[in-house]
Protein backbone atom coordinates (compact mmCIF):
# COMPACT_ATOMS: atom_id res chain seq x y z
CA UNK A 1 6.35 13.12 15.18
CA UNK A 2 4.65 13.07 11.81
CA UNK A 3 1.03 12.09 11.59
CA UNK A 4 -1.83 11.96 9.11
CA UNK A 5 -5.46 12.86 9.72
CA UNK A 6 -8.44 11.57 7.74
CA UNK A 7 -11.94 12.94 8.32
CA UNK A 8 -15.36 11.76 7.26
CA UNK A 9 -19.02 12.11 8.21
CA UNK A 10 -21.24 9.25 9.38
CA UNK A 11 -24.61 9.44 7.63
CA UNK A 12 -27.87 7.59 7.21
CA UNK A 13 -31.03 8.12 5.17
CA UNK A 14 -34.65 7.84 6.23
CA UNK A 15 -37.60 6.48 4.24
CA UNK A 16 -38.04 9.83 2.47
CA UNK A 17 -34.43 9.73 1.25
CA UNK A 18 -33.29 12.60 3.48
CA UNK A 19 -29.65 12.25 4.46
CA UNK A 20 -28.73 12.94 8.09
CA UNK A 21 -25.10 13.77 8.85
CA UNK A 22 -25.00 12.57 12.42
CA UNK A 23 -21.34 12.45 13.38
CA UNK A 24 -17.90 13.63 12.26
CA UNK A 25 -15.25 10.91 12.54
CA UNK A 26 -11.47 11.36 12.47
CA UNK A 27 -8.64 8.87 12.16
CA UNK A 28 -5.24 10.08 13.38
CA UNK A 29 -2.32 7.84 12.44
CA UNK A 30 1.10 8.63 13.90
CA UNK A 31 4.53 7.82 12.49
CA UNK A 32 5.15 5.25 15.25
CA UNK A 33 1.91 3.47 14.19
CA UNK A 34 -0.05 4.59 17.25
CA UNK A 35 -3.49 5.88 16.31
CA UNK A 36 -6.63 7.55 17.58
CA UNK A 37 -10.27 7.73 16.51
CA UNK A 38 -12.33 10.81 17.36
CA UNK A 39 -16.14 10.92 17.11
CA UNK A 40 -17.90 14.32 17.16
CA UNK A 41 -21.68 13.72 17.28
CA UNK A 42 -23.96 16.31 15.69
CA UNK A 43 -26.54 16.35 18.49
CA UNK A 44 -28.72 18.96 16.76
CA UNK A 45 -29.11 16.57 13.83
CA UNK A 46 -29.61 13.51 16.03
CA UNK A 47 -32.54 15.27 17.74
CA UNK A 48 -34.32 15.43 14.36
CA UNK A 49 -34.37 11.64 13.98
CA UNK A 50 -37.15 9.27 15.00
CA UNK A 51 -36.41 6.17 17.05
CA UNK A 52 -37.35 3.87 14.18
CA UNK A 53 -34.64 5.47 12.01
CA UNK A 54 -31.83 5.95 14.54
CA UNK A 55 -31.00 3.88 17.62
CA UNK A 56 -27.53 5.24 18.31
CA UNK A 57 -23.98 4.81 17.01
CA UNK A 58 -22.45 1.39 17.75
CA UNK A 59 -19.90 1.55 20.55
CA UNK A 60 -20.80 5.08 21.73
CA UNK A 61 -22.97 6.02 24.70
CA UNK A 62 -24.58 9.16 23.31
CA UNK A 63 -26.53 9.68 26.55
CA UNK A 64 -23.28 11.06 28.00
CA UNK A 65 -23.57 13.97 25.53
CA UNK A 66 -19.80 14.24 25.15
CA UNK A 67 -18.46 16.72 22.62
CA UNK A 68 -15.95 14.11 21.46
CA UNK A 69 -15.52 10.37 22.03
CA UNK A 70 -11.89 9.22 21.78
CA UNK A 71 -10.52 5.73 21.19
CA UNK A 72 -6.74 5.48 21.51
CA UNK A 73 -4.89 2.54 19.97
CA UNK A 74 -8.07 0.51 19.79
CA UNK A 75 -10.36 -0.01 16.82
CA UNK A 76 -13.91 1.20 17.64
CA UNK A 77 -16.85 -1.15 17.16
CA UNK A 78 -18.19 1.11 14.42
CA UNK A 79 -15.00 0.55 12.41
CA UNK A 80 -14.34 -3.13 13.19
CA UNK A 81 -17.83 -4.07 11.99
CA UNK A 82 -17.27 -2.43 8.61
CA UNK A 83 -13.61 -2.62 7.68
CA UNK A 84 -12.18 -5.98 6.48
CA UNK A 85 -9.67 -7.74 8.71
CA UNK A 86 -6.11 -8.28 7.49
CA UNK A 87 -6.77 -12.00 7.86
CA UNK A 88 -9.44 -11.85 5.20
CA UNK A 89 -8.37 -13.76 2.11
CA UNK A 90 -9.28 -11.01 -0.36
CA UNK A 91 -8.02 -8.16 1.88
CA UNK A 92 -5.52 -6.73 -0.62
CA UNK A 93 -7.93 -7.23 -3.51
CA UNK A 94 -10.45 -5.05 -1.66
CA UNK A 95 -7.82 -2.36 -1.18
CA UNK A 96 -6.90 -2.52 -4.84
CA UNK A 97 -10.55 -2.04 -5.85
CA UNK A 98 -10.58 1.37 -4.15
CA UNK A 99 -7.07 2.31 -5.35
CA UNK A 100 -5.51 2.10 -1.88
CA UNK A 101 -2.11 0.62 -1.03
CA UNK A 102 -2.62 0.55 2.75
CA UNK A 103 -5.63 0.58 5.04
CA UNK A 104 -6.96 3.95 6.12
CA UNK A 105 -10.33 2.90 7.54
CA UNK A 106 -12.08 6.26 7.00
CA UNK A 107 -10.90 6.59 3.41
CA UNK A 108 -11.80 2.95 2.75
CA UNK A 109 -15.35 3.33 4.06
CA UNK A 110 -15.83 6.47 1.96
CA UNK A 111 -14.59 4.79 -1.22
CA UNK A 112 -15.81 1.22 -0.83
CA UNK A 113 -19.12 0.06 -2.32
CA UNK A 114 -19.36 -2.79 0.16
CA UNK A 115 -22.10 -2.17 2.70
CA UNK A 116 -22.41 -3.46 6.24
CA UNK A 117 -25.70 -5.33 6.60
CA UNK A 118 -26.16 -4.63 10.31
CA UNK A 119 -27.41 -1.04 9.91
CA UNK A 120 -27.87 1.77 7.38
CA UNK A 121 -24.85 3.93 8.23
CA UNK A 122 -22.36 5.01 5.57
CA UNK A 123 -19.52 7.52 5.31
CA UNK A 124 -19.03 10.53 3.07
CA UNK A 125 -16.08 12.90 2.73
CA UNK A 126 -15.85 15.64 5.32
CA UNK A 127 -17.42 19.00 4.49
CA UNK A 128 -17.47 22.24 6.45
CA UNK A 129 -20.90 23.46 7.57
CA UNK A 130 -22.53 26.10 5.40
CA UNK A 131 -25.03 28.94 5.74
CA UNK A 132 -28.00 28.69 3.37
CA UNK A 133 -30.29 31.68 2.71
CA UNK A 134 -33.78 30.54 1.64
CA UNK A 135 -34.36 33.83 -0.18
CA UNK A 136 -31.49 32.96 -2.53
CA UNK A 137 -32.74 29.47 -3.40
CA UNK A 138 -36.51 29.92 -3.52
CA UNK A 139 -36.48 30.81 -7.23
CA UNK A 140 -34.47 27.70 -8.13
CA UNK A 141 -37.13 25.15 -7.23
CA UNK A 142 -40.84 24.63 -6.65
CA UNK A 143 -42.44 24.47 -3.20
CA UNK A 144 -41.91 20.72 -2.94
CA UNK A 145 -38.26 21.07 -3.88
CA UNK A 146 -37.63 24.01 -1.53
CA UNK A 147 -39.15 22.10 1.39
CA UNK A 148 -36.84 19.18 0.64
CA UNK A 149 -33.85 21.56 0.41
CA UNK A 150 -34.62 23.07 3.82
CA UNK A 151 -35.04 19.65 5.44
CA UNK A 152 -31.87 18.34 3.81
CA UNK A 153 -29.92 21.44 4.82
CA UNK A 154 -30.93 21.08 8.47
CA UNK A 155 -30.28 17.32 8.41
CA UNK A 156 -26.80 18.06 6.99
CA UNK A 157 -26.00 20.20 10.06
CA UNK A 158 -25.94 23.35 7.96
CA UNK A 159 -27.49 26.63 9.04
CA UNK A 160 -30.71 27.86 7.39
CA UNK A 161 -31.60 31.56 7.34
CA UNK A 162 -34.87 33.27 6.41
CA UNK A 163 -35.10 37.08 6.34
CA UNK A 164 -31.77 37.20 8.14
CA UNK A 165 -32.89 34.94 10.99
CA UNK A 166 -31.60 31.46 11.70
CA UNK A 167 -34.54 29.01 11.67
CA UNK A 168 -32.76 25.77 12.66
CA UNK A 169 -35.14 24.32 15.21
CA UNK A 170 -36.45 20.83 15.90
CA UNK A 171 -40.08 22.02 15.86
CA UNK A 172 -39.62 23.79 12.52
CA UNK A 173 -38.02 20.67 11.07
CA UNK A 174 -40.76 18.35 12.36
CA UNK A 175 -43.50 20.61 10.95
CA UNK A 176 -41.90 20.86 7.52
CA UNK A 177 -41.16 17.14 7.60
CA UNK A 178 -44.82 16.32 8.23
CA UNK A 179 -45.96 18.50 5.30
CA UNK A 180 -43.25 17.09 3.03
CA UNK A 181 -44.14 13.52 3.98
CA UNK A 182 -47.81 14.09 3.11
CA UNK A 183 -46.92 15.45 -0.32
CA UNK A 184 -44.30 12.76 -0.88
CA UNK A 185 -46.84 10.02 -0.17
CA UNK A 186 -49.38 11.70 -2.47
CA UNK A 187 -46.82 11.83 -5.27
CA UNK A 188 -45.93 8.18 -4.79
CA UNK A 189 -49.60 7.19 -5.04
CA UNK A 190 -50.06 9.32 -8.17
CA UNK A 191 -46.94 7.83 -9.71
CA UNK A 192 -48.12 4.29 -9.02
CA UNK A 193 -51.50 5.06 -10.58
CA UNK A 194 -49.73 6.59 -13.57
CA UNK A 195 -47.72 3.41 -14.16
CA UNK A 196 -50.83 1.21 -13.91
CA UNK A 197 -52.80 3.52 -16.21
CA UNK A 198 -49.99 3.57 -18.76
CA UNK A 199 -49.84 -0.22 -18.76
CA UNK A 200 -53.61 -0.56 -19.15
CA UNK A 201 -53.64 1.86 -22.06
CA UNK A 202 -50.81 0.03 -23.82
CA UNK A 203 -48.34 2.88 -23.64
CA UNK A 204 -45.64 0.20 -23.51
CA UNK A 205 -46.48 -1.33 -26.91
CA UNK A 206 -43.35 -2.17 -28.91
CA UNK A 207 -40.09 -1.23 -27.25
CA UNK A 208 -40.81 -0.91 -23.54
CA UNK A 209 -40.74 2.73 -22.62
CA UNK A 210 -38.52 3.77 -19.72
CA UNK A 211 -40.61 5.09 -16.86
CA UNK A 212 -39.09 8.04 -15.00
CA UNK A 213 -39.19 8.09 -11.21
CA UNK A 214 -40.19 11.74 -10.72
CA UNK A 215 -39.28 11.82 -7.03
CA UNK A 216 -35.84 10.42 -7.79
CA UNK A 217 -35.48 12.94 -10.62
CA UNK A 218 -36.26 15.80 -8.22
CA UNK A 219 -33.56 14.61 -5.83
CA UNK A 220 -31.04 14.29 -8.66
CA UNK A 221 -31.89 17.74 -10.05
CA UNK A 222 -31.09 19.24 -6.66
CA UNK A 223 -27.69 17.52 -6.73
CA UNK A 224 -27.08 18.77 -10.28
CA UNK A 225 -27.85 22.34 -9.13
CA UNK A 226 -25.36 21.91 -6.29
CA UNK A 227 -22.84 20.59 -8.87
CA UNK A 228 -22.61 17.25 -7.10
CA UNK A 229 -23.68 15.45 -10.29
CA UNK A 230 -23.68 16.09 -14.03
CA UNK A 231 -26.88 15.81 -16.06
CA UNK A 232 -25.38 12.84 -17.88
CA UNK A 233 -24.69 11.01 -14.60
CA UNK A 234 -28.21 11.78 -13.36
CA UNK A 235 -29.68 10.24 -16.53
CA UNK A 236 -27.53 7.13 -16.03
CA UNK A 237 -28.76 6.75 -12.44
CA UNK A 238 -32.38 6.99 -13.66
CA UNK A 239 -31.65 4.48 -16.39
CA UNK A 240 -32.88 6.72 -19.23
CA UNK A 241 -31.29 8.37 -22.25
CA UNK A 242 -29.98 11.91 -21.94
CA UNK A 243 -32.67 13.04 -24.45
CA UNK A 244 -35.41 11.48 -22.33
CA UNK A 245 -33.85 13.12 -19.28
CA UNK A 246 -33.95 16.61 -20.77
CA UNK A 247 -37.48 16.16 -22.14
CA UNK A 248 -38.78 14.98 -18.77
CA UNK A 249 -36.97 17.75 -16.93
CA UNK A 250 -38.45 20.38 -19.25
CA UNK A 251 -41.99 19.03 -18.87
CA UNK A 252 -41.54 18.77 -15.10
CA UNK A 253 -40.47 22.41 -14.85
CA UNK A 254 -43.62 23.45 -16.70
CA UNK A 255 -45.90 21.73 -14.17
CA UNK A 256 -47.43 23.25 -11.06
CA UNK A 257 -45.69 23.10 -7.67
CA UNK A 258 -47.75 20.08 -6.70
CA UNK A 259 -46.14 18.01 -9.49
CA UNK A 260 -49.20 15.80 -9.73
CA UNK A 261 -49.23 15.42 -13.51
CA UNK A 262 -46.95 12.39 -13.37
CA UNK A 263 -48.93 10.31 -15.86
CA UNK A 264 -48.72 13.02 -18.54
CA UNK A 265 -45.01 13.52 -17.94
CA UNK A 266 -44.20 9.83 -18.40
CA UNK A 267 -46.60 9.40 -21.30
CA UNK A 268 -44.45 11.55 -23.57
């Protein structure tokens, strides 16, 4: 019997914009229209999350610690809450928007821009886990950026190595997270002060100058380095011209690791 398999990863982000890849999900559709859903929780990633960010996956009892949760010929709660019903008036219009001719729930949730309001979960395309060597990336970013890379790598269920040793550990993550959070909050306060100072000193006289979110820029630069985005797309996301993007990026790279000179960066 012929069948098709679609795979995705259930994710969510915390307040520091770190993405946690908490569960692999599969949709197996058979030729006779029978189907199965498989959920493979990433327990190592789930252990990194605080209770205020993650309260479980709808429809799954994660306390059972199963390697895989299977739903045969029944639509799981996680899917039914997010995928439009065939009875919905604009059902086929929604499929058309994502260039689909029939409903594959995993593919739809990956492609669709519609978000379920009940929680912060979303789906991305499936990716194999990777091994990341800190020694190979430490020259590509400052301390702040490297810390974010390590946290993001662990939260993505990838393996992090330092001097040949795997360092994936909840305690390591929590320690780095605490240090990153302190610096993140400091940067946010500096950025807010920079905006207020710029406004008081009339730096917005004439055509209102676009203010660059430095923290967002750092995140986007990491994605550009990983070839997930182009520089042009990053500039569009920030809402600035490509010239402004390159100027800001150049000035940012010339600053110290602490990145505290946000007012000066945005002033020019």
